[in-house]
Amino acid sequence: MKKIYHLSTCDTCKRILKELNPSSDFVLQDIKSEAITQSQLEEMKSLSGTYESLFSKRARLYKERDLKNKTLSENDYKDLILEHYTFLKRPVIIYDNQIFIGNSKKVVEAANKQING
């Protein structure tokens, strides 16, 4: 499977997509216009190990809801990601059976190496 979950309005996602230049056999899913399904999230979790690893603590709603002062369970992370797209750390790149989560330089370089050799 070759898939990238991203946000088309996010400049960082745009920059990373341009850098990766994924081939036409990649499926790009704009998570704002096409919400993540529970089965898609389950698949991401099976590759990453936890819902927390997929969760963005930089989301505006995270701060607004004061979630940093709450103890969140794996189920909470799952429900929050399904509730609102901004809680997904992005982009999420799935290449074969590997998952690359987020926009750190290290993650993007590793994804680029896998995708473009």
PDB file of N, CA and C in Angstrom:
ATOM      1  N   MET A   1       0.829  -1.185   0.000  1.00  0.00           N
ATOM      2  CA  MET A   1       0.000   0.000   0.000  1.00  0.00           C
ATOM      3  C   MET A   1       0.875   1.252   0.000  1.00  0.00           C
ATOM      4  N   LYS A   2       0.450   2.218  -0.768  1.00  0.00           N
ATOM      5  CA  LYS A   2       1.157   3.495  -0.833  1.00  0.00           C
ATOM      6  C   LYS A   2       0.116   4.590  -0.640  1.00  0.00           C
ATOM      7  N   LYS A   3       0.160   5.219   0.518  1.00  0.00           N
ATOM      8  CA  LYS A   3      -0.861   6.211   0.834  1.00  0.00           C
ATOM      9  C   LYS A   3      -0.266   7.334   1.667  1.00  0.00           C
ATOM     10  N   ILE A   4      -0.769   8.542   1.428  1.00  0.00           N
ATOM     11  CA  ILE A   4      -0.342   9.699   2.221  1.00  0.00           C
ATOM     12  C   ILE A   4      -1.591  10.426   2.710  1.00  0.00           C
ATOM     13  N   TYR A   5      -1.706  10.508   4.038  1.00  0.00           N
ATOM     14  CA  TYR A   5      -2.772  11.296   4.656  1.00  0.00           C
ATOM     15  C   TYR A   5      -2.182  12.666   4.920  1.00  0.00           C
ATOM     16  N   HIS A   6      -2.834  13.691   4.396  1.00  0.00           N
ATOM     17  CA  HIS A   6      -2.281  15.043   4.513  1.00  0.00           C
ATOM     18  C   HIS A   6      -3.409  16.052   4.607  1.00  0.00           C
ATOM     19  N   LEU A   7      -3.041  17.301   4.760  1.00  0.00           N
ATOM     20  CA  LEU A   7      -3.993  18.400   4.788  1.00  0.00           C
ATOM     21  C   LEU A   7      -3.595  19.347   3.659  1.00  0.00           C
ATOM     22  N   SER A   8      -4.472  19.514   2.684  1.00  0.00           N
ATOM     23  CA  SER A   8      -4.122  20.301   1.497  1.00  0.00           C
ATOM     24  C   SER A   8      -3.905  21.779   1.805  1.00  0.00           C
ATOM     25  N   THR A   9      -4.437  22.252   2.915  1.00  0.00           N
ATOM     26  CA  THR A   9      -4.279  23.663   3.278  1.00  0.00           C
ATOM     27  C   THR A   9      -3.040  23.911   4.140  1.00  0.00           C
ATOM     28  N   CYS A  10      -2.319  22.853   4.472  1.00  0.00           N
ATOM     29  CA  CYS A  10      -1.154  22.972   5.354  1.00  0.00           C
ATOM     30  C   CYS A  10       0.113  23.179   4.520  1.00  0.00           C
ATOM     31  N   ASP A  11       0.794  24.302   4.752  1.00  0.00           N
ATOM     32  CA  ASP A  11       2.008  24.606   3.988  1.00  0.00           C
ATOM     33  C   ASP A  11       3.104  23.570   4.212  1.00  0.00           C
ATOM     34  N   THR A  12       3.202  23.058   5.431  1.00  0.00           N
ATOM     35  CA  THR A  12       4.216  22.042   5.725  1.00  0.00           C
ATOM     36  C   THR A  12       3.935  20.767   4.928  1.00  0.00           C
ATOM     37  N   CYS A  13       2.675  20.342   4.892  1.00  0.00           N
ATOM     38  CA  CYS A  13       2.310  19.152   4.110  1.00  0.00           C
ATOM     39  C   CYS A  13       2.610  19.378   2.626  1.00  0.00           C
ATOM     40  N   LYS A  14       2.289  20.567   2.131  1.00  0.00           N
ATOM     41  CA  LYS A  14       2.553  20.883   0.714  1.00  0.00           C
ATOM     42  C   LYS A  14       4.043  20.777   0.415  1.00  0.00           C
ATOM     43  N   ARG A  15       4.864  21.342   1.313  1.00  0.00           N
ATOM     44  CA  ARG A  15       6.317  21.311   1.125  1.00  0.00           C
ATOM     45  C   ARG A  15       6.831  19.874   1.115  1.00  0.00           C
ATOM     46  N   ILE A  16       6.353  19.062   2.049  1.00  0.00           N
ATOM     47  CA  ILE A  16       6.797  17.673   2.146  1.00  0.00           C
ATOM     48  C   ILE A  16       6.365  16.875   0.921  1.00  0.00           C
ATOM     49  N   LEU A  17       5.134  17.081   0.465  1.00  0.00           N
ATOM     50  CA  LEU A  17       4.657  16.377  -0.738  1.00  0.00           C
ATOM     51  C   LEU A  17       5.505  16.745  -1.949  1.00  0.00           C
ATOM     52  N   LYS A  18       5.848  18.023  -2.040  1.00  0.00           N
ATOM     53  CA  LYS A  18       6.694  18.474  -3.148  1.00  0.00           C
ATOM     54  C   LYS A  18       8.072  17.814  -3.064  1.00  0.00           C
ATOM     55  N   GLU A  19       8.616  17.732  -1.858  1.00  0.00           N
ATOM     56  CA  GLU A  19       9.925  17.132  -1.633  1.00  0.00           C
ATOM     57  C   GLU A  19       9.913  15.629  -1.947  1.00  0.00           C
ATOM     58  N   LEU A  20       8.857  14.941  -1.518  1.00  0.00           N
ATOM     59  CA  LEU A  20       8.762  13.493  -1.738  1.00  0.00           C
ATOM     60  C   LEU A  20       8.440  13.156  -3.193  1.00  0.00           C
ATOM     61  N   ASN A  21       7.667  14.039  -3.833  1.00  0.00           N
ATOM     62  CA  ASN A  21       7.249  13.836  -5.214  1.00  0.00           C
ATOM     63  C   ASN A  21       6.753  12.401  -5.432  1.00  0.00           C
ATOM     64  N   PRO A  22       5.684  11.998  -4.704  1.00  0.00           N
ATOM     65  CA  PRO A  22       5.226  10.609  -4.791  1.00  0.00           C
ATOM     66  C   PRO A  22       4.728  10.251  -6.190  1.00  0.00           C
ATOM     67  N   SER A  23       4.973   9.008  -6.585  1.00  0.00           N
ATOM     68  CA  SER A  23       4.549   8.542  -7.904  1.00  0.00           C
ATOM     69  C   SER A  23       3.024   8.443  -7.971  1.00  0.00           C
ATOM     70  N   SER A  24       2.512   8.249  -9.167  1.00  0.00           N
ATOM     71  CA  SER A  24       1.067   8.242  -9.364  1.00  0.00           C
ATOM     72  C   SER A  24       0.374   7.040  -8.717  1.00  0.00           C
ATOM     73  N   ASP A  25       1.142   6.034  -8.284  1.00  0.00           N
ATOM     74  CA  ASP A  25       0.491   4.904  -7.617  1.00  0.00           C
ATOM     75  C   ASP A  25       0.250   5.160  -6.126  1.00  0.00           C
ATOM     76  N   PHE A  26       0.610   6.345  -5.638  1.00  0.00           N
ATOM     77  CA  PHE A  26       0.288   6.742  -4.266  1.00  0.00           C
ATOM     78  C   PHE A  26      -1.134   7.283  -4.229  1.00  0.00           C
ATOM     79  N   VAL A  27      -1.862   6.955  -3.175  1.00  0.00           N
ATOM     80  CA  VAL A  27      -3.184   7.531  -2.951  1.00  0.00           C
ATOM     81  C   VAL A  27      -2.998   8.671  -1.964  1.00  0.00           C
ATOM     82  N   LEU A  28      -3.418   9.871  -2.354  1.00  0.00           N
ATOM     83  CA  LEU A  28      -3.338  11.030  -1.466  1.00  0.00           C
ATOM     84  C   LEU A  28      -4.718  11.280  -0.897  1.00  0.00           C
ATOM     85  N   GLN A  29      -4.809  11.357   0.415  1.00  0.00           N
ATOM     86  CA  GLN A  29      -6.098  11.619   1.051  1.00  0.00           C
ATOM     87  C   GLN A  29      -6.011  12.899   1.863  1.00  0.00           C
ATOM     88  N   ASP A  30      -6.779  13.908   1.417  1.00  0.00           N
ATOM     89  CA  ASP A  30      -6.873  15.162   2.158  1.00  0.00           C
ATOM     90  C   ASP A  30      -7.836  14.918   3.319  1.00  0.00           C
ATOM     91  N   ILE A  31      -7.302  14.893   4.537  1.00  0.00           N
ATOM     92  CA  ILE A  31      -8.102  14.490   5.689  1.00  0.00           C
ATOM     93  C   ILE A  31      -9.174  15.503   6.082  1.00  0.00           C
ATOM     94  N   LYS A  32      -9.110  16.699   5.511  1.00  0.00           N
ATOM     95  CA  LYS A  32     -10.161  17.682   5.799  1.00  0.00           C
ATOM     96  C   LYS A  32     -11.393  17.411   4.929  1.00  0.00           C
ATOM     97  N   SER A  33     -11.174  17.107   3.663  1.00  0.00           N
ATOM     98  CA  SER A  33     -12.304  16.875   2.767  1.00  0.00           C
ATOM     99  C   SER A  33     -12.757  15.414   2.759  1.00  0.00           C
ATOM    100  N   GLU A  34     -11.874  14.504   3.143  1.00  0.00           N
ATOM    101  CA  GLU A  34     -12.223  13.084   3.215  1.00  0.00           C
ATOM    102  C   GLU A  34     -11.764  12.545   4.572  1.00  0.00           C
ATOM    103  N   ALA A  35     -12.702  12.515   5.504  1.00  0.00           N
ATOM    104  CA  ALA A  35     -12.378  12.154   6.892  1.00  0.00           C
ATOM    105  C   ALA A  35     -11.773  10.754   6.992  1.00  0.00           C
ATOM    106  N   ILE A  36     -10.938  10.588   7.994  1.00  0.00           N
ATOM    107  CA  ILE A  36     -10.320   9.296   8.260  1.00  0.00           C
ATOM    108  C   ILE A  36     -11.393   8.356   8.806  1.00  0.00           C
ATOM    109  N   THR A  37     -11.432   7.144   8.291  1.00  0.00           N
ATOM    110  CA  THR A  37     -12.387   6.165   8.792  1.00  0.00           C
ATOM    111  C   THR A  37     -11.762   5.410   9.959  1.00  0.00           C
ATOM    112  N   GLN A  38     -12.605   4.735  10.704  1.00  0.00           N
ATOM    113  CA  GLN A  38     -12.108   3.953  11.838  1.00  0.00           C
ATOM    114  C   GLN A  38     -11.162   2.858  11.354  1.00  0.00           C
ATOM    115  N   SER A  39     -11.494   2.220  10.227  1.00  0.00           N
ATOM    116  CA  SER A  39     -10.624   1.143   9.728  1.00  0.00           C
ATOM    117  C   SER A  39      -9.276   1.691   9.251  1.00  0.00           C
ATOM    118  N   GLN A  40      -9.264   2.893   8.669  1.00  0.00           N
ATOM    119  CA  GLN A  40      -7.997   3.506   8.267  1.00  0.00           C
ATOM    120  C   GLN A  40      -7.146   3.800   9.496  1.00  0.00           C
ATOM    121  N   LEU A  41      -7.789   4.308  10.545  1.00  0.00           N
ATOM    122  CA  LEU A  41      -7.066   4.613  11.777  1.00  0.00           C
ATOM    123  C   LEU A  41      -6.539   3.335  12.428  1.00  0.00           C
ATOM    124  N   GLU A  42      -7.337   2.271  12.381  1.00  0.00           N
ATOM    125  CA  GLU A  42      -6.898   0.973  12.924  1.00  0.00           C
ATOM    126  C   GLU A  42      -5.654   0.482  12.181  1.00  0.00           C
ATOM    127  N   GLU A  43      -5.673   0.649  10.866  1.00  0.00           N
ATOM    128  CA  GLU A  43      -4.527   0.224  10.063  1.00  0.00           C
ATOM    129  C   GLU A  43      -3.275   1.030  10.431  1.00  0.00           C
ATOM    130  N   MET A  44      -3.432   2.343  10.586  1.00  0.00           N
ATOM    131  CA  MET A  44      -2.298   3.187  10.977  1.00  0.00           C
ATOM    132  C   MET A  44      -1.774   2.757  12.345  1.00  0.00           C
ATOM    133  N   LYS A  45      -2.701   2.464  13.272  1.00  0.00           N
ATOM    134  CA  LYS A  45      -2.302   2.057  14.614  1.00  0.00           C
ATOM    135  C   LYS A  45      -1.563   0.718  14.584  1.00  0.00           C
ATOM    136  N   SER A  46      -2.012  -0.202  13.729  1.00  0.00           N
ATOM    137  CA  SER A  46      -1.337  -1.505  13.678  1.00  0.00           C
ATOM    138  C   SER A  46       0.102  -1.359  13.177  1.00  0.00           C
ATOM    139  N   LEU A  47       0.352  -0.359  12.338  1.00  0.00           N
ATOM    140  CA  LEU A  47       1.708  -0.110  11.845  1.00  0.00           C
ATOM    141  C   LEU A  47       2.550   0.692  12.834  1.00  0.00           C
ATOM    142  N   SER A  48       1.903   1.610  13.554  1.00  0.00           N
ATOM    143  CA  SER A  48       2.661   2.504  14.451  1.00  0.00           C
ATOM    144  C   SER A  48       2.765   1.972  15.880  1.00  0.00           C
ATOM    145  N   GLY A  49       1.823   1.134  16.283  1.00  0.00           N
ATOM    146  CA  GLY A  49       1.859   0.576  17.637  1.00  0.00           C
ATOM    147  C   GLY A  49       0.902   1.224  18.621  1.00  0.00           C
ATOM    148  N   THR A  50       0.714   2.555  18.506  1.00  0.00           N
ATOM    149  CA  THR A  50      -0.188   3.244  19.444  1.00  0.00           C
ATOM    150  C   THR A  50      -0.952   4.356  18.734  1.00  0.00           C
ATOM    151  N   TYR A  51      -2.093   4.700  19.308  1.00  0.00           N
ATOM    152  CA  TYR A  51      -2.833   5.860  18.816  1.00  0.00           C
ATOM    153  C   TYR A  51      -2.100   7.143  19.206  1.00  0.00           C
ATOM    154  N   GLU A  52      -1.449   7.106  20.361  1.00  0.00           N
ATOM    155  CA  GLU A  52      -0.747   8.298  20.836  1.00  0.00           C
ATOM    156  C   GLU A  52       0.327   8.736  19.838  1.00  0.00           C
ATOM    157  N   SER A  53       0.992   7.774  19.196  1.00  0.00           N
ATOM    158  CA  SER A  53       2.036   8.126  18.222  1.00  0.00           C
ATOM    159  C   SER A  53       1.461   8.840  16.996  1.00  0.00           C
ATOM    160  N   LEU A  54       0.162   8.684  16.769  1.00  0.00           N
ATOM    161  CA  LEU A  54      -0.508   9.327  15.638  1.00  0.00           C
ATOM    162  C   LEU A  54      -1.147  10.663  16.029  1.00  0.00           C
ATOM    163  N   PHE A  55      -1.091  10.989  17.303  1.00  0.00           N
ATOM    164  CA  PHE A  55      -1.812  12.136  17.844  1.00  0.00           C
ATOM    165  C   PHE A  55      -0.943  13.388  17.867  1.00  0.00           C
ATOM    166  N   SER A  56      -1.500  14.478  17.398  1.00  0.00           N
ATOM    167  CA  SER A  56      -0.770  15.743  17.381  1.00  0.00           C
ATOM    168  C   SER A  56      -1.076  16.555  18.635  1.00  0.00           C
ATOM    169  N   LYS A  57      -0.039  16.760  19.435  1.00  0.00           N
ATOM    170  CA  LYS A  57      -0.200  17.587  20.629  1.00  0.00           C
ATOM    171  C   LYS A  57       0.029  19.058  20.304  1.00  0.00           C
ATOM    172  N   ARG A  58       0.223  19.353  19.014  1.00  0.00           N
ATOM    173  CA  ARG A  58       0.399  20.738  18.582  1.00  0.00           C
ATOM    174  C   ARG A  58      -0.892  21.315  18.013  1.00  0.00           C
ATOM    175  N   ALA A  59      -1.936  20.503  17.970  1.00  0.00           N
ATOM    176  CA  ALA A  59      -3.219  20.963  17.423  1.00  0.00           C
ATOM    177  C   ALA A  59      -3.789  22.090  18.288  1.00  0.00           C
ATOM    178  N   ARG A  60      -4.400  23.042  17.625  1.00  0.00           N
ATOM    179  CA  ARG A  60      -4.994  24.181  18.328  1.00  0.00           C
ATOM    180  C   ARG A  60      -6.042  23.700  19.344  1.00  0.00           C
ATOM    181  N   LEU A  61      -6.848  22.712  18.952  1.00  0.00           N
ATOM    182  CA  LEU A  61      -7.885  22.195  19.852  1.00  0.00           C
ATOM    183  C   LEU A  61      -7.295  21.530  21.095  1.00  0.00           C
ATOM    184  N   TYR A  62      -6.087  20.992  20.976  1.00  0.00           N
ATOM    185  CA  TYR A  62      -5.417  20.368  22.123  1.00  0.00           C
ATOM    186  C   TYR A  62      -5.200  21.410  23.209  1.00  0.00           C
ATOM    187  N   LYS A  63      -4.763  22.594  22.776  1.00  0.00           N
ATOM    188  CA  LYS A  63      -4.530  23.691  23.718  1.00  0.00           C
ATOM    189  C   LYS A  63      -5.861  24.267  24.220  1.00  0.00           C
ATOM    190  N   GLU A  64      -6.811  24.473  23.278  1.00  0.00           N
ATOM    191  CA  GLU A  64      -8.094  25.073  23.642  1.00  0.00           C
ATOM    192  C   GLU A  64      -8.857  24.227  24.657  1.00  0.00           C
ATOM    193  N   ARG A  65      -8.779  22.917  24.520  1.00  0.00           N
ATOM    194  CA  ARG A  65      -9.504  22.019  25.433  1.00  0.00           C
ATOM    195  C   ARG A  65      -8.685  21.668  26.670  1.00  0.00           C
ATOM    196  N   ASP A  66      -7.491  22.249  26.760  1.00  0.00           N
ATOM    197  CA  ASP A  66      -6.608  22.016  27.904  1.00  0.00           C
ATOM    198  C   ASP A  66      -6.339  20.523  28.125  1.00  0.00           C
ATOM    199  N   LEU A  67      -6.129  19.805  27.034  1.00  0.00           N
ATOM    200  CA  LEU A  67      -5.937  18.358  27.114  1.00  0.00           C
ATOM    201  C   LEU A  67      -4.601  17.974  27.735  1.00  0.00           C
ATOM    202  N   LYS A  68      -3.628  18.894  27.719  1.00  0.00           N
ATOM    203  CA  LYS A  68      -2.319  18.561  28.293  1.00  0.00           C
ATOM    204  C   LYS A  68      -2.409  18.335  29.801  1.00  0.00           C
ATOM    205  N   ASN A  69      -3.441  18.868  30.417  1.00  0.00           N
ATOM    206  CA  ASN A  69      -3.625  18.689  31.852  1.00  0.00           C
ATOM    207  C   ASN A  69      -4.564  17.531  32.188  1.00  0.00           C
ATOM    208  N   LYS A  70      -4.903  16.739  31.167  1.00  0.00           N
ATOM    209  CA  LYS A  70      -5.753  15.576  31.386  1.00  0.00           C
ATOM    210  C   LYS A  70      -4.939  14.322  31.081  1.00  0.00           C
ATOM    211  N   THR A  71      -5.294  13.230  31.716  1.00  0.00           N
ATOM    212  CA  THR A  71      -4.637  11.958  31.432  1.00  0.00           C
ATOM    213  C   THR A  71      -5.454  11.257  30.357  1.00  0.00           C
ATOM    214  N   LEU A  72      -4.863  11.144  29.170  1.00  0.00           N
ATOM    215  CA  LEU A  72      -5.588  10.553  28.045  1.00  0.00           C
ATOM    216  C   LEU A  72      -5.201   9.091  27.866  1.00  0.00           C
ATOM    217  N   SER A  73      -6.201   8.261  27.602  1.00  0.00           N
ATOM    218  CA  SER A  73      -5.960   6.839  27.346  1.00  0.00           C
ATOM    219  C   SER A  73      -5.807   6.641  25.835  1.00  0.00           C
ATOM    220  N   GLU A  74      -5.410   5.450  25.454  1.00  0.00           N
ATOM    221  CA  GLU A  74      -5.314   5.125  24.026  1.00  0.00           C
ATOM    222  C   GLU A  74      -6.668   5.332  23.351  1.00  0.00           C
ATOM    223  N   ASN A  75      -7.740   4.965  24.057  1.00  0.00           N
ATOM    224  CA  ASN A  75      -9.083   5.133  23.503  1.00  0.00           C
ATOM    225  C   ASN A  75      -9.423   6.606  23.310  1.00  0.00           C
ATOM    226  N   ASP A  76      -8.973   7.448  24.247  1.00  0.00           N
ATOM    227  CA  ASP A  76      -9.196   8.895  24.111  1.00  0.00           C
ATOM    228  C   ASP A  76      -8.506   9.426  22.862  1.00  0.00           C
ATOM    229  N   TYR A  77      -7.245   9.013  22.667  1.00  0.00           N
ATOM    230  CA  TYR A  77      -6.503   9.453  21.474  1.00  0.00           C
ATOM    231  C   TYR A  77      -7.242   9.034  20.207  1.00  0.00           C
ATOM    232  N   LYS A  78      -7.682   7.795  20.185  1.00  0.00           N
ATOM    233  CA  LYS A  78      -8.414   7.261  19.025  1.00  0.00           C
ATOM    234  C   LYS A  78      -9.673   8.088  18.759  1.00  0.00           C
ATOM    235  N   ASP A  79     -10.478   8.293  19.797  1.00  0.00           N
ATOM    236  CA  ASP A  79     -11.729   9.039  19.641  1.00  0.00           C
ATOM    237  C   ASP A  79     -11.489  10.479  19.193  1.00  0.00           C
ATOM    238  N   LEU A  80     -10.467  11.122  19.748  1.00  0.00           N
ATOM    239  CA  LEU A  80     -10.164  12.507  19.375  1.00  0.00           C
ATOM    240  C   LEU A  80      -9.727  12.606  17.914  1.00  0.00           C
ATOM    241  N   ILE A  81      -8.895  11.660  17.464  1.00  0.00           N
ATOM    242  CA  ILE A  81      -8.448  11.679  16.060  1.00  0.00           C
ATOM    243  C   ILE A  81      -9.643  11.486  15.130  1.00  0.00           C
ATOM    244  N   LEU A  82     -10.541  10.572  15.486  1.00  0.00           N
ATOM    245  CA  LEU A  82     -11.727  10.336  14.652  1.00  0.00           C
ATOM    246  C   LEU A  82     -12.696  11.520  14.711  1.00  0.00           C
ATOM    247  N   GLU A  83     -12.703  12.222  15.837  1.00  0.00           N
ATOM    248  CA  GLU A  83     -13.609  13.354  16.015  1.00  0.00           C
ATOM    249  C   GLU A  83     -13.197  14.553  15.165  1.00  0.00           C
ATOM    250  N   HIS A  84     -11.894  14.849  15.110  1.00  0.00           N
ATOM    251  CA  HIS A  84     -11.454  16.041  14.378  1.00  0.00           C
ATOM    252  C   HIS A  84     -10.105  15.807  13.716  1.00  0.00           C
ATOM    253  N   TYR A  85     -10.041  16.109  12.432  1.00  0.00           N
ATOM    254  CA  TYR A  85      -8.844  15.820  11.629  1.00  0.00           C
ATOM    255  C   TYR A  85      -7.568  16.483  12.145  1.00  0.00           C
ATOM    256  N   THR A  86      -7.690  17.617  12.846  1.00  0.00           N
ATOM    257  CA  THR A  86      -6.471  18.308  13.283  1.00  0.00           C
ATOM    258  C   THR A  86      -5.700  17.530  14.345  1.00  0.00           C
ATOM    259  N   PHE A  87      -6.345  16.528  14.949  1.00  0.00           N
ATOM    260  CA  PHE A  87      -5.647  15.741  15.968  1.00  0.00           C
ATOM    261  C   PHE A  87      -4.707  14.691  15.364  1.00  0.00           C
ATOM    262  N   LEU A  88      -4.783  14.470  14.059  1.00  0.00           N
ATOM    263  CA  LEU A  88      -3.859  13.520  13.428  1.00  0.00           C
ATOM    264  C   LEU A  88      -2.548  14.233  13.139  1.00  0.00           C
ATOM    265  N   LYS A  89      -1.462  13.650  13.629  1.00  0.00           N
ATOM    266  CA  LYS A  89      -0.134  14.192  13.334  1.00  0.00           C
ATOM    267  C   LYS A  89       0.093  13.961  11.844  1.00  0.00           C
ATOM    268  N   ARG A  90       0.486  14.993  11.115  1.00  0.00           N
ATOM    269  CA  ARG A  90       0.574  14.828   9.668  1.00  0.00           C
ATOM    270  C   ARG A  90       1.865  15.374   9.093  1.00  0.00           C
ATOM    271  N   PRO A  91       2.183  14.900   7.904  1.00  0.00           N
ATOM    272  CA  PRO A  91       1.467  13.870   7.153  1.00  0.00           C
ATOM    273  C   PRO A  91       1.742  12.476   7.719  1.00  0.00           C
ATOM    274  N   VAL A  92       0.860  11.544   7.376  1.00  0.00           N
ATOM    275  CA  VAL A  92       1.093  10.130   7.676  1.00  0.00           C
ATOM    276  C   VAL A  92       1.334   9.458   6.330  1.00  0.00           C
ATOM    277  N   ILE A  93       2.508   8.883   6.191  1.00  0.00           N
ATOM    278  CA  ILE A  93       2.896   8.252   4.931  1.00  0.00           C
ATOM    279  C   ILE A  93       2.994   6.748   5.163  1.00  0.00           C
ATOM    280  N   ILE A  94       2.239   6.003   4.377  1.00  0.00           N
ATOM    281  CA  ILE A  94       2.320   4.544   4.448  1.00  0.00           C
ATOM    282  C   ILE A  94       2.925   4.072   3.140  1.00  0.00           C
ATOM    283  N   TYR A  95       4.021   3.358   3.271  1.00  0.00           N
ATOM    284  CA  TYR A  95       4.724   2.838   2.100  1.00  0.00           C
ATOM    285  C   TYR A  95       4.989   1.365   2.358  1.00  0.00           C
ATOM    286  N   ASP A  96       4.345   0.501   1.576  1.00  0.00           N
ATOM    287  CA  ASP A  96       4.363  -0.939   1.818  1.00  0.00           C
ATOM    288  C   ASP A  96       3.897  -1.178   3.262  1.00  0.00           C
ATOM    289  N   ASN A  97       4.704  -1.771   4.117  1.00  0.00           N
ATOM    290  CA  ASN A  97       4.259  -1.984   5.496  1.00  0.00           C
ATOM    291  C   ASN A  97       4.985  -1.092   6.489  1.00  0.00           C
ATOM    292  N   GLN A  98       5.450   0.056   6.010  1.00  0.00           N
ATOM    293  CA  GLN A  98       6.134   1.008   6.878  1.00  0.00           C
ATOM    294  C   GLN A  98       5.287   2.261   7.006  1.00  0.00           C
ATOM    295  N   ILE A  99       5.375   2.877   8.179  1.00  0.00           N
ATOM    296  CA  ILE A  99       4.615   4.105   8.411  1.00  0.00           C
ATOM    297  C   ILE A  99       5.570   5.205   8.866  1.00  0.00           C
ATOM    298  N   PHE A 100       5.350   6.381   8.324  1.00  0.00           N
ATOM    299  CA  PHE A 100       6.148   7.563   8.676  1.00  0.00           C
ATOM    300  C   PHE A 100       5.149   8.618   9.140  1.00  0.00           C
ATOM    301  N   ILE A 101       5.324   9.072  10.389  1.00  0.00           N
ATOM    302  CA  ILE A 101       4.332   9.958  11.002  1.00  0.00           C
ATOM    303  C   ILE A 101       4.958  11.302  11.332  1.00  0.00           C
ATOM    304  N   GLY A 102       4.323  12.355  10.835  1.00  0.00           N
ATOM    305  CA  GLY A 102       4.735  13.697  11.211  1.00  0.00           C
ATOM    306  C   GLY A 102       5.692  14.338  10.231  1.00  0.00           C
ATOM    307  N   ASN A 103       6.157  15.538  10.620  1.00  0.00           N
ATOM    308  CA  ASN A 103       6.926  16.351   9.688  1.00  0.00           C
ATOM    309  C   ASN A 103       8.337  16.655  10.169  1.00  0.00           C
ATOM    310  N   SER A 104       8.834  15.882  11.139  1.00  0.00           N
ATOM    311  CA  SER A 104      10.208  16.138  11.576  1.00  0.00           C
ATOM    312  C   SER A 104      11.162  15.810  10.432  1.00  0.00           C
ATOM    313  N   LYS A 105      12.270  16.506  10.409  1.00  0.00           N
ATOM    314  CA  LYS A 105      13.245  16.336   9.334  1.00  0.00           C
ATOM    315  C   LYS A 105      13.674  14.870   9.206  1.00  0.00           C
ATOM    316  N   LYS A 106      13.896  14.222  10.344  1.00  0.00           N
ATOM    317  CA  LYS A 106      14.338  12.829  10.378  1.00  0.00           C
ATOM    318  C   LYS A 106      13.300  11.894   9.734  1.00  0.00           C
ATOM    319  N   VAL A 107      12.026  12.095  10.070  1.00  0.00           N
ATOM    320  CA  VAL A 107      10.941  11.271   9.533  1.00  0.00           C
ATOM    321  C   VAL A 107      10.805  11.480   8.028  1.00  0.00           C
ATOM    322  N   VAL A 108      10.843  12.738   7.594  1.00  0.00           N
ATOM    323  CA  VAL A 108      10.696  13.047   6.174  1.00  0.00           C
ATOM    324  C   VAL A 108      11.869  12.463   5.372  1.00  0.00           C
ATOM    325  N   GLU A 109      13.085  12.568   5.911  1.00  0.00           N
ATOM    326  CA  GLU A 109      14.260  11.996   5.229  1.00  0.00           C
ATOM    327  C   GLU A 109      14.142  10.484   5.105  1.00  0.00           C
ATOM    328  N   ALA A 110      13.688   9.818   6.170  1.00  0.00           N
ATOM    329  CA  ALA A 110      13.518   8.360   6.144  1.00  0.00           C
ATOM    330  C   ALA A 110      12.468   7.953   5.112  1.00  0.00           C
ATOM    331  N   ALA A 111      11.354   8.692   5.056  1.00  0.00           N
ATOM    332  CA  ALA A 111      10.301   8.407   4.079  1.00  0.00           C
ATOM    333  C   ALA A 111      10.822   8.624   2.661  1.00  0.00           C
ATOM    334  N   ASN A 112      11.551   9.702   2.465  1.00  0.00           N
ATOM    335  CA  ASN A 112      12.106  10.021   1.147  1.00  0.00           C
ATOM    336  C   ASN A 112      13.064   8.920   0.678  1.00  0.00           C
ATOM    337  N   LYS A 113      13.858   8.443   1.600  1.00  0.00           N
ATOM    338  CA  LYS A 113      14.823   7.386   1.282  1.00  0.00           C
ATOM    339  C   LYS A 113      14.105   6.110   0.844  1.00  0.00           C
ATOM    340  N   GLN A 114      13.021   5.764   1.555  1.00  0.00           N
ATOM    341  CA  GLN A 114      12.246   4.575   1.212  1.00  0.00           C
ATOM    342  C   GLN A 114      11.546   4.724  -0.146  1.00  0.00           C
ATOM    343  N   ILE A 115      10.928   5.873  -0.330  1.00  0.00           N
ATOM    344  CA  ILE A 115      10.097   6.103  -1.534  1.00  0.00           C
ATOM    345  C   ILE A 115      10.969   6.315  -2.773  1.00  0.00           C
ATOM    346  N   ASN A 116      12.023   7.098  -2.634  1.00  0.00           N
ATOM    347  CA  ASN A 116      12.819   7.478  -3.804  1.00  0.00           C
ATOM    348  C   ASN A 116      14.205   6.833  -3.863  1.00  0.00           C
ATOM    349  N   GLY A 117      14.488   5.976  -2.895  1.00  0.00           N
ATOM    350  CA  GLY A 117      15.745   5.224  -2.923  1.00  0.00           C
ATOM    351  C   GLY A 117      16.987   5.973  -2.583  1.00  0.00           C
TER     352      GLY A 117
END
